[in-house]
Amino acid sequence: MADVRITCITKSAPQGGHEHITHVGNPAGYWKWPVADVVASIDAKSNTFYVKDESTGKRVDVGVVRPSGRTAYLRTHADGQWNDNLLAQSSCG
């Protein structure tokens, strides 16, 4: 299992006032994956993903959220709480 750092995100055009992350990646590692592929990788336990909180320098794990009746999505989880650290990443371009 690889431990993979996410450093950038790609968001969709706003729909109904909300943007959605469509891809995550790391230009230094030469990769960019659709969110569905990252969800599948986490579910299969083939990779773990994380971001670095730039304000604290701490690692923040990325997990899968499965809201009822909606598509699964990625969100960061730190200190026992779901948070928005993933949205703080720069754009993959």
PDB file of N, CA and C in Angstrom:
ATOM      1  N   MET A   1       0.847  -1.175   0.000  1.00  0.00           N
ATOM      2  CA  MET A   1       0.000   0.000   0.000  1.00  0.00           C
ATOM      3  C   MET A   1       0.888   1.233   0.000  1.00  0.00           C
ATOM      4  N   ALA A   2       0.568   2.181  -0.866  1.00  0.00           N
ATOM      5  CA  ALA A   2       1.326   3.433  -0.946  1.00  0.00           C
ATOM      6  C   ALA A   2       0.642   4.513  -0.105  1.00  0.00           C
ATOM      7  N   ASP A   3       1.440   5.378   0.444  1.00  0.00           N
ATOM      8  CA  ASP A   3       0.983   6.529   1.216  1.00  0.00           C
ATOM      9  C   ASP A   3       1.179   7.744   0.313  1.00  0.00           C
ATOM     10  N   VAL A   4       0.094   8.331  -0.185  1.00  0.00           N
ATOM     11  CA  VAL A   4       0.149   9.293  -1.278  1.00  0.00           C
ATOM     12  C   VAL A   4      -0.290  10.686  -0.810  1.00  0.00           C
ATOM     13  N   ARG A   5       0.557  11.682  -1.080  1.00  0.00           N
ATOM     14  CA  ARG A   5       0.225  13.060  -0.710  1.00  0.00           C
ATOM     15  C   ARG A   5      -0.481  13.774  -1.858  1.00  0.00           C
ATOM     16  N   ILE A   6      -1.611  14.378  -1.542  1.00  0.00           N
ATOM     17  CA  ILE A   6      -2.362  15.209  -2.486  1.00  0.00           C
ATOM     18  C   ILE A   6      -1.925  16.655  -2.274  1.00  0.00           C
ATOM     19  N   THR A   7      -1.537  17.332  -3.371  1.00  0.00           N
ATOM     20  CA  THR A   7      -1.119  18.728  -3.251  1.00  0.00           C
ATOM     21  C   THR A   7      -1.951  19.669  -4.107  1.00  0.00           C
ATOM     22  N   CYS A   8      -2.851  19.107  -4.952  1.00  0.00           N
ATOM     23  CA  CYS A   8      -3.678  19.971  -5.783  1.00  0.00           C
ATOM     24  C   CYS A   8      -5.029  19.323  -6.057  1.00  0.00           C
ATOM     25  N   ILE A   9      -5.998  20.161  -6.412  1.00  0.00           N
ATOM     26  CA  ILE A   9      -7.346  19.687  -6.724  1.00  0.00           C
ATOM     27  C   ILE A   9      -7.846  20.376  -7.990  1.00  0.00           C
ATOM     28  N   THR A  10      -8.808  19.751  -8.643  1.00  0.00           N
ATOM     29  CA  THR A  10      -9.531  20.357  -9.759  1.00  0.00           C
ATOM     30  C   THR A  10     -11.003  20.357  -9.367  1.00  0.00           C
ATOM     31  N   LYS A  11     -11.646  21.516  -9.502  1.00  0.00           N
ATOM     32  CA  LYS A  11     -13.055  21.643  -9.140  1.00  0.00           C
ATOM     33  C   LYS A  11     -13.912  21.805 -10.390  1.00  0.00           C
ATOM     34  N   SER A  12     -15.157  21.368 -10.261  1.00  0.00           N
ATOM     35  CA  SER A  12     -16.130  21.540 -11.336  1.00  0.00           C
ATOM     36  C   SER A  12     -16.611  22.984 -11.350  1.00  0.00           C
ATOM     37  N   ALA A  13     -17.301  23.339 -12.412  1.00  0.00           N
ATOM     38  CA  ALA A  13     -17.970  24.637 -12.449  1.00  0.00           C
ATOM     39  C   ALA A  13     -19.071  24.612 -11.390  1.00  0.00           C
ATOM     40  N   PRO A  14     -19.308  25.741 -10.726  1.00  0.00           N
ATOM     41  CA  PRO A  14     -20.354  25.768  -9.693  1.00  0.00           C
ATOM     42  C   PRO A  14     -21.710  25.346 -10.248  1.00  0.00           C
ATOM     43  N   GLN A  15     -22.376  24.463  -9.501  1.00  0.00           N
ATOM     44  CA  GLN A  15     -23.716  24.009  -9.852  1.00  0.00           C
ATOM     45  C   GLN A  15     -24.596  24.192  -8.630  1.00  0.00           C
ATOM     46  N   GLY A  16     -25.601  25.037  -8.758  1.00  0.00           N
ATOM     47  CA  GLY A  16     -26.465  25.287  -7.616  1.00  0.00           C
ATOM     48  C   GLY A  16     -25.733  25.928  -6.464  1.00  0.00           C
ATOM     49  N   GLY A  17     -24.690  26.704  -6.775  1.00  0.00           N
ATOM     50  CA  GLY A  17     -23.930  27.391  -5.728  1.00  0.00           C
ATOM     51  C   GLY A  17     -22.828  26.557  -5.108  1.00  0.00           C
ATOM     52  N   HIS A  18     -22.639  25.313  -5.572  1.00  0.00           N
ATOM     53  CA  HIS A  18     -21.624  24.439  -4.997  1.00  0.00           C
ATOM     54  C   HIS A  18     -20.626  23.999  -6.059  1.00  0.00           C
ATOM     55  N   GLU A  19     -19.371  23.945  -5.653  1.00  0.00           N
ATOM     56  CA  GLU A  19     -18.325  23.373  -6.497  1.00  0.00           C
ATOM     57  C   GLU A  19     -18.020  21.977  -5.958  1.00  0.00           C
ATOM     58  N   HIS A  20     -17.618  21.098  -6.834  1.00  0.00           N
ATOM     59  CA  HIS A  20     -17.260  19.754  -6.431  1.00  0.00           C
ATOM     60  C   HIS A  20     -15.848  19.453  -6.906  1.00  0.00           C
ATOM     61  N   ILE A  21     -15.096  18.747  -6.093  1.00  0.00           N
ATOM     62  CA  ILE A  21     -13.762  18.321  -6.500  1.00  0.00           C
ATOM     63  C   ILE A  21     -13.931  17.159  -7.472  1.00  0.00           C
ATOM     64  N   THR A  22     -13.351  17.293  -8.659  1.00  0.00           N
ATOM     65  CA  THR A  22     -13.451  16.246  -9.675  1.00  0.00           C
ATOM     66  C   THR A  22     -12.184  15.394  -9.763  1.00  0.00           C
ATOM     67  N   HIS A  23     -11.026  16.010  -9.490  1.00  0.00           N
ATOM     68  CA  HIS A  23      -9.736  15.326  -9.571  1.00  0.00           C
ATOM     69  C   HIS A  23      -8.836  15.808  -8.432  1.00  0.00           C
ATOM     70  N   VAL A  24      -7.919  14.954  -8.024  1.00  0.00           N
ATOM     71  CA  VAL A  24      -6.874  15.332  -7.070  1.00  0.00           C
ATOM     72  C   VAL A  24      -5.545  14.862  -7.650  1.00  0.00           C
ATOM     73  N   GLY A  25      -4.461  15.494  -7.223  1.00  0.00           N
ATOM     74  CA  GLY A  25      -3.179  15.097  -7.774  1.00  0.00           C
ATOM     75  C   GLY A  25      -1.998  15.635  -7.010  1.00  0.00           C
ATOM     76  N   ASN A  26      -0.828  15.428  -7.617  1.00  0.00           N
ATOM     77  CA  ASN A  26       0.426  15.928  -7.079  1.00  0.00           C
ATOM     78  C   ASN A  26       1.378  16.100  -8.264  1.00  0.00           C
ATOM     79  N   PRO A  27       1.535  17.344  -8.746  1.00  0.00           N
ATOM     80  CA  PRO A  27       2.411  17.566  -9.898  1.00  0.00           C
ATOM     81  C   PRO A  27       3.832  17.048  -9.696  1.00  0.00           C
ATOM     82  N   ALA A  28       4.345  17.109  -8.469  1.00  0.00           N
ATOM     83  CA  ALA A  28       5.698  16.623  -8.212  1.00  0.00           C
ATOM     84  C   ALA A  28       5.782  15.107  -8.422  1.00  0.00           C
ATOM     85  N   GLY A  29       4.662  14.423  -8.206  1.00  0.00           N
ATOM     86  CA  GLY A  29       4.625  12.977  -8.417  1.00  0.00           C
ATOM     87  C   GLY A  29       4.091  12.598  -9.781  1.00  0.00           C
ATOM     88  N   TYR A  30       3.787  13.600 -10.595  1.00  0.00           N
ATOM     89  CA  TYR A  30       3.304  13.403 -11.965  1.00  0.00           C
ATOM     90  C   TYR A  30       2.015  12.570 -12.027  1.00  0.00           C
ATOM     91  N   TRP A  31       1.071  12.892 -11.142  1.00  0.00           N
ATOM     92  CA  TRP A  31      -0.189  12.165 -11.215  1.00  0.00           C
ATOM     93  C   TRP A  31      -1.369  13.096 -10.929  1.00  0.00           C
ATOM     94  N   LYS A  32      -2.514  12.726 -11.502  1.00  0.00           N
ATOM     95  CA  LYS A  32      -3.784  13.409 -11.278  1.00  0.00           C
ATOM     96  C   LYS A  32      -4.873  12.367 -11.540  1.00  0.00           C
ATOM     97  N   TRP A  33      -5.684  12.086 -10.531  1.00  0.00           N
ATOM     98  CA  TRP A  33      -6.697  11.039 -10.634  1.00  0.00           C
ATOM     99  C   TRP A  33      -8.090  11.614 -10.459  1.00  0.00           C
ATOM    100  N   PRO A  34      -9.080  11.033 -11.138  1.00  0.00           N
ATOM    101  CA  PRO A  34     -10.471  11.388 -10.857  1.00  0.00           C
ATOM    102  C   PRO A  34     -10.825  10.946  -9.426  1.00  0.00           C
ATOM    103  N   VAL A  35     -11.715  11.677  -8.799  1.00  0.00           N
ATOM    104  CA  VAL A  35     -12.116  11.359  -7.431  1.00  0.00           C
ATOM    105  C   VAL A  35     -12.618   9.917  -7.329  1.00  0.00           C
ATOM    106  N   ALA A  36     -13.380   9.446  -8.313  1.00  0.00           N
ATOM    107  CA  ALA A  36     -13.911   8.076  -8.262  1.00  0.00           C
ATOM    108  C   ALA A  36     -12.791   7.041  -8.168  1.00  0.00           C
ATOM    109  N   ASP A  37     -11.660   7.283  -8.831  1.00  0.00           N
ATOM    110  CA  ASP A  37     -10.528   6.354  -8.771  1.00  0.00           C
ATOM    111  C   ASP A  37      -9.865   6.379  -7.392  1.00  0.00           C
ATOM    112  N   VAL A  38      -9.805   7.553  -6.773  1.00  0.00           N
ATOM    113  CA  VAL A  38      -9.232   7.659  -5.427  1.00  0.00           C
ATOM    114  C   VAL A  38     -10.148   6.960  -4.426  1.00  0.00           C
ATOM    115  N   VAL A  39     -11.458   7.154  -4.558  1.00  0.00           N
ATOM    116  CA  VAL A  39     -12.422   6.470  -3.686  1.00  0.00           C
ATOM    117  C   VAL A  39     -12.236   4.955  -3.818  1.00  0.00           C
ATOM    118  N   ALA A  40     -12.149   4.459  -5.040  1.00  0.00           N
ATOM    119  CA  ALA A  40     -11.967   3.021  -5.265  1.00  0.00           C
ATOM    120  C   ALA A  40     -10.655   2.528  -4.657  1.00  0.00           C
ATOM    121  N   SER A  41      -9.600   3.310  -4.762  1.00  0.00           N
ATOM    122  CA  SER A  41      -8.303   2.932  -4.211  1.00  0.00           C
ATOM    123  C   SER A  41      -8.347   2.876  -2.687  1.00  0.00           C
ATOM    124  N   ILE A  42      -9.019   3.845  -2.074  1.00  0.00           N
ATOM    125  CA  ILE A  42      -9.171   3.837  -0.612  1.00  0.00           C
ATOM    126  C   ILE A  42     -10.001   2.633  -0.188  1.00  0.00           C
ATOM    127  N   ASP A  43     -11.103   2.387  -0.887  1.00  0.00           N
ATOM    128  CA  ASP A  43     -11.971   1.249  -0.553  1.00  0.00           C
ATOM    129  C   ASP A  43     -11.231  -0.078  -0.676  1.00  0.00           C
ATOM    130  N   ALA A  44     -10.376  -0.195  -1.709  1.00  0.00           N
ATOM    131  CA  ALA A  44      -9.619  -1.429  -1.930  1.00  0.00           C
ATOM    132  C   ALA A  44      -8.403  -1.534  -1.007  1.00  0.00           C
ATOM    133  N   LYS A  45      -8.150  -0.481  -0.240  1.00  0.00           N
ATOM    134  CA  LYS A  45      -6.995  -0.409   0.657  1.00  0.00           C
ATOM    135  C   LYS A  45      -5.676  -0.564  -0.100  1.00  0.00           C
ATOM    136  N   SER A  46      -5.663  -0.095  -1.362  1.00  0.00           N
ATOM    137  CA  SER A  46      -4.432  -0.157  -2.140  1.00  0.00           C
ATOM    138  C   SER A  46      -3.568   1.084  -1.932  1.00  0.00           C
ATOM    139  N   ASN A  47      -4.179   2.198  -1.500  1.00  0.00           N
ATOM    140  CA  ASN A  47      -3.448   3.428  -1.193  1.00  0.00           C
ATOM    141  C   ASN A  47      -4.133   4.155  -0.048  1.00  0.00           C
ATOM    142  N   THR A  48      -3.346   4.934   0.681  1.00  0.00           N
ATOM    143  CA  THR A  48      -3.893   5.919   1.615  1.00  0.00           C
ATOM    144  C   THR A  48      -3.500   7.279   1.070  1.00  0.00           C
ATOM    145  N   PHE A  49      -4.333   8.270   1.299  1.00  0.00           N
ATOM    146  CA  PHE A  49      -4.095   9.611   0.783  1.00  0.00           C
ATOM    147  C   PHE A  49      -4.126  10.599   1.937  1.00  0.00           C
ATOM    148  N   TYR A  50      -3.350  11.680   1.793  1.00  0.00           N
ATOM    149  CA  TYR A  50      -3.311  12.703   2.831  1.00  0.00           C
ATOM    150  C   TYR A  50      -2.932  14.043   2.215  1.00  0.00           C
ATOM    151  N   VAL A  51      -3.182  15.096   2.980  1.00  0.00           N
ATOM    152  CA  VAL A  51      -2.700  16.433   2.649  1.00  0.00           C
ATOM    153  C   VAL A  51      -1.901  16.926   3.846  1.00  0.00           C
ATOM    154  N   LYS A  52      -1.145  17.971   3.629  1.00  0.00           N
ATOM    155  CA  LYS A  52      -0.390  18.591   4.718  1.00  0.00           C
ATOM    156  C   LYS A  52      -1.065  19.914   5.045  1.00  0.00           C
ATOM    157  N   ASP A  53      -1.434  20.091   6.306  1.00  0.00           N
ATOM    158  CA  ASP A  53      -2.020  21.350   6.754  1.00  0.00           C
ATOM    159  C   ASP A  53      -0.893  22.371   6.827  1.00  0.00           C
ATOM    160  N   GLU A  54      -0.908  23.324   5.916  1.00  0.00           N
ATOM    161  CA  GLU A  54       0.190  24.301   5.832  1.00  0.00           C
ATOM    162  C   GLU A  54       0.299  25.190   7.070  1.00  0.00           C
ATOM    163  N   SER A  55      -0.797  25.399   7.787  1.00  0.00           N
ATOM    164  CA  SER A  55      -0.738  26.266   8.972  1.00  0.00           C
ATOM    165  C   SER A  55      -0.094  25.562  10.163  1.00  0.00           C
ATOM    166  N   THR A  56      -0.226  24.225  10.242  1.00  0.00           N
ATOM    167  CA  THR A  56       0.322  23.491  11.382  1.00  0.00           C
ATOM    168  C   THR A  56       1.450  22.547  10.998  1.00  0.00           C
ATOM    169  N   GLY A  57       1.561  22.227   9.700  1.00  0.00           N
ATOM    170  CA  GLY A  57       2.556  21.269   9.246  1.00  0.00           C
ATOM    171  C   GLY A  57       2.153  19.830   9.481  1.00  0.00           C
ATOM    172  N   LYS A  58       0.937  19.613   9.996  1.00  0.00           N
ATOM    173  CA  LYS A  58       0.483  18.264  10.309  1.00  0.00           C
ATOM    174  C   LYS A  58      -0.097  17.555   9.093  1.00  0.00           C
ATOM    175  N   ARG A  59       0.021  16.260   9.113  1.00  0.00           N
ATOM    176  CA  ARG A  59      -0.607  15.385   8.121  1.00  0.00           C
ATOM    177  C   ARG A  59      -2.102  15.304   8.434  1.00  0.00           C
ATOM    178  N   VAL A  60      -2.904  15.360   7.380  1.00  0.00           N
ATOM    179  CA  VAL A  60      -4.353  15.244   7.518  1.00  0.00           C
ATOM    180  C   VAL A  60      -4.820  14.167   6.539  1.00  0.00           C
ATOM    181  N   ASP A  61      -5.391  13.098   7.056  1.00  0.00           N
ATOM    182  CA  ASP A  61      -5.810  11.976   6.216  1.00  0.00           C
ATOM    183  C   ASP A  61      -7.045  12.310   5.394  1.00  0.00           C
ATOM    184  N   VAL A  62      -7.120  11.715   4.206  1.00  0.00           N
ATOM    185  CA  VAL A  62      -8.263  11.878   3.312  1.00  0.00           C
ATOM    186  C   VAL A  62      -9.105  10.616   3.415  1.00  0.00           C
ATOM    187  N   GLY A  63     -10.411  10.812   3.599  1.00  0.00           N
ATOM    188  CA  GLY A  63     -11.332   9.692   3.690  1.00  0.00           C
ATOM    189  C   GLY A  63     -12.478   9.850   2.714  1.00  0.00           C
ATOM    190  N   VAL A  64     -13.363   8.868   2.718  1.00  0.00           N
ATOM    191  CA  VAL A  64     -14.513   8.851   1.828  1.00  0.00           C
ATOM    192  C   VAL A  64     -15.773   9.120   2.642  1.00  0.00           C
ATOM    193  N   VAL A  65     -16.587  10.050   2.160  1.00  0.00           N
ATOM    194  CA  VAL A  65     -17.883  10.350   2.764  1.00  0.00           C
ATOM    195  C   VAL A  65     -18.947   9.816   1.813  1.00  0.00           C
ATOM    196  N   ARG A  66     -19.926   9.117   2.378  1.00  0.00           N
ATOM    197  CA  ARG A  66     -20.996   8.517   1.568  1.00  0.00           C
ATOM    198  C   ARG A  66     -22.358   9.008   2.045  1.00  0.00           C
ATOM    199  N   PRO A  67     -22.774  10.179   1.558  1.00  0.00           N
ATOM    200  CA  PRO A  67     -24.080  10.682   1.967  1.00  0.00           C
ATOM    201  C   PRO A  67     -25.203   9.854   1.323  1.00  0.00           C
ATOM    202  N   SER A  68     -26.258   9.669   2.033  1.00  0.00           N
ATOM    203  CA  SER A  68     -27.386   8.894   1.533  1.00  0.00           C
ATOM    204  C   SER A  68     -27.955   9.504   0.253  1.00  0.00           C
ATOM    205  N   GLY A  69     -28.061   8.685  -0.785  1.00  0.00           N
ATOM    206  CA  GLY A  69     -28.649   9.129  -2.042  1.00  0.00           C
ATOM    207  C   GLY A  69     -27.756   9.997  -2.907  1.00  0.00           C
ATOM    208  N   ARG A  70     -26.475  10.136  -2.542  1.00  0.00           N
ATOM    209  CA  ARG A  70     -25.551  10.968  -3.323  1.00  0.00           C
ATOM    210  C   ARG A  70     -24.264  10.205  -3.598  1.00  0.00           C
ATOM    211  N   THR A  71     -23.480  10.726  -4.526  1.00  0.00           N
ATOM    212  CA  THR A  71     -22.210  10.117  -4.888  1.00  0.00           C
ATOM    213  C   THR A  71     -21.194  10.296  -3.756  1.00  0.00           C
ATOM    214  N   ALA A  72     -20.394   9.268  -3.510  1.00  0.00           N
ATOM    215  CA  ALA A  72     -19.332   9.354  -2.507  1.00  0.00           C
ATOM    216  C   ALA A  72     -18.339  10.442  -2.914  1.00  0.00           C
ATOM    217  N   TYR A  73     -17.767  11.126  -1.923  1.00  0.00           N
ATOM    218  CA  TYR A  73     -16.786  12.161  -2.202  1.00  0.00           C
ATOM    219  C   TYR A  73     -15.664  12.112  -1.174  1.00  0.00           C
ATOM    220  N   LEU A  74     -14.598  12.844  -1.442  1.00  0.00           N
ATOM    221  CA  LEU A  74     -13.430  12.878  -0.566  1.00  0.00           C
ATOM    222  C   LEU A  74     -13.515  14.044   0.395  1.00  0.00           C
ATOM    223  N   ARG A  75     -13.015  13.799   1.597  1.00  0.00           N
ATOM    224  CA  ARG A  75     -12.938  14.874   2.583  1.00  0.00           C
ATOM    225  C   ARG A  75     -11.815  14.530   3.551  1.00  0.00           C
ATOM    226  N   THR A  76     -11.191  15.542   4.108  1.00  0.00           N
ATOM    227  CA  THR A  76     -10.114  15.291   5.063  1.00  0.00           C
ATOM    228  C   THR A  76     -10.685  15.050   6.454  1.00  0.00           C
ATOM    229  N   HIS A  77      -9.902  14.310   7.254  1.00  0.00           N
ATOM    230  CA  HIS A  77     -10.327  13.947   8.601  1.00  0.00           C
ATOM    231  C   HIS A  77      -9.133  14.103   9.527  1.00  0.00           C
ATOM    232  N   ALA A  78      -9.268  14.981  10.506  1.00  0.00           N
ATOM    233  CA  ALA A  78      -8.183  15.208  11.463  1.00  0.00           C
ATOM    234  C   ALA A  78      -8.764  15.470  12.843  1.00  0.00           C
ATOM    235  N   ASP A  79      -8.069  15.010  13.834  1.00  0.00           N
ATOM    236  CA  ASP A  79      -8.469  15.223  15.222  1.00  0.00           C
ATOM    237  C   ASP A  79      -9.914  14.797  15.474  1.00  0.00           C
ATOM    238  N   GLY A  80     -10.323  13.683  14.816  1.00  0.00           N
ATOM    239  CA  GLY A  80     -11.663  13.145  15.045  1.00  0.00           C
ATOM    240  C   GLY A  80     -12.785  13.898  14.356  1.00  0.00           C
ATOM    241  N   GLN A  81     -12.436  14.837  13.462  1.00  0.00           N
ATOM    242  CA  GLN A  81     -13.449  15.658  12.808  1.00  0.00           C
ATOM    243  C   GLN A  81     -13.226  15.705  11.305  1.00  0.00           C
ATOM    244  N   TRP A  82     -14.329  15.687  10.546  1.00  0.00           N
ATOM    245  CA  TRP A  82     -14.244  15.937   9.111  1.00  0.00           C
ATOM    246  C   TRP A  82     -14.021  17.428   8.928  1.00  0.00           C
ATOM    247  N   ASN A  83     -13.155  17.826   7.985  1.00  0.00           N
ATOM    248  CA  ASN A  83     -12.874  19.243   7.773  1.00  0.00           C
ATOM    249  C   ASN A  83     -12.639  19.506   6.286  1.00  0.00           C
ATOM    250  N   ASP A  84     -12.304  20.744   5.961  1.00  0.00           N
ATOM    251  CA  ASP A  84     -12.177  21.162   4.561  1.00  0.00           C
ATOM    252  C   ASP A  84     -10.736  21.391   4.120  1.00  0.00           C
ATOM    253  N   ASN A  85      -9.766  20.722   4.714  1.00  0.00           N
ATOM    254  CA  ASN A  85      -8.367  20.930   4.329  1.00  0.00           C
ATOM    255  C   ASN A  85      -8.118  20.584   2.866  1.00  0.00           C
ATOM    256  N   LEU A  86      -8.888  19.667   2.305  1.00  0.00           N
ATOM    257  CA  LEU A  86      -8.698  19.295   0.908  1.00  0.00           C
ATOM    258  C   LEU A  86      -9.000  20.488  -0.002  1.00  0.00           C
ATOM    259  N   LEU A  87     -10.009  21.266   0.338  1.00  0.00           N
ATOM    260  CA  LEU A  87     -10.372  22.438  -0.463  1.00  0.00           C
ATOM    261  C   LEU A  87      -9.309  23.534  -0.429  1.00  0.00           C
ATOM    262  N   ALA A  88      -8.424  23.484   0.568  1.00  0.00           N
ATOM    263  CA  ALA A  88      -7.380  24.493   0.705  1.00  0.00           C
ATOM    264  C   ALA A  88      -6.186  24.231  -0.234  1.00  0.00           C
ATOM    265  N   GLN A  89      -6.179  23.096  -0.915  1.00  0.00           N
ATOM    266  CA  GLN A  89      -5.070  22.769  -1.817  1.00  0.00           C
ATOM    267  C   GLN A  89      -5.133  23.641  -3.061  1.00  0.00           C
ATOM    268  N   SER A  90      -4.008  23.851  -3.681  1.00  0.00           N
ATOM    269  CA  SER A  90      -3.962  24.680  -4.897  1.00  0.00           C
ATOM    270  C   SER A  90      -4.628  23.943  -6.054  1.00  0.00           C
ATOM    271  N   SER A  91      -4.873  24.682  -7.127  1.00  0.00           N
ATOM    272  CA  SER A  91      -5.496  24.119  -8.312  1.00  0.00           C
ATOM    273  C   SER A  91      -4.476  23.297  -9.105  1.00  0.00           C
ATOM    274  N   CYS A  92      -4.916  22.158  -9.624  1.00  0.00           N
ATOM    275  CA  CYS A  92      -4.029  21.335 -10.454  1.00  0.00           C
ATOM    276  C   CYS A  92      -3.811  21.975 -11.829  1.00  0.00           C
ATOM    277  N   GLY A  93      -4.644  22.922 -12.192  1.00  0.00           N
ATOM    278  CA  GLY A  93      -4.482  23.600 -13.472  1.00  0.00           C
ATOM    279  C   GLY A  93      -5.105  22.877 -14.621  1.00  0.00           C
TER     280      GLY A  93
END
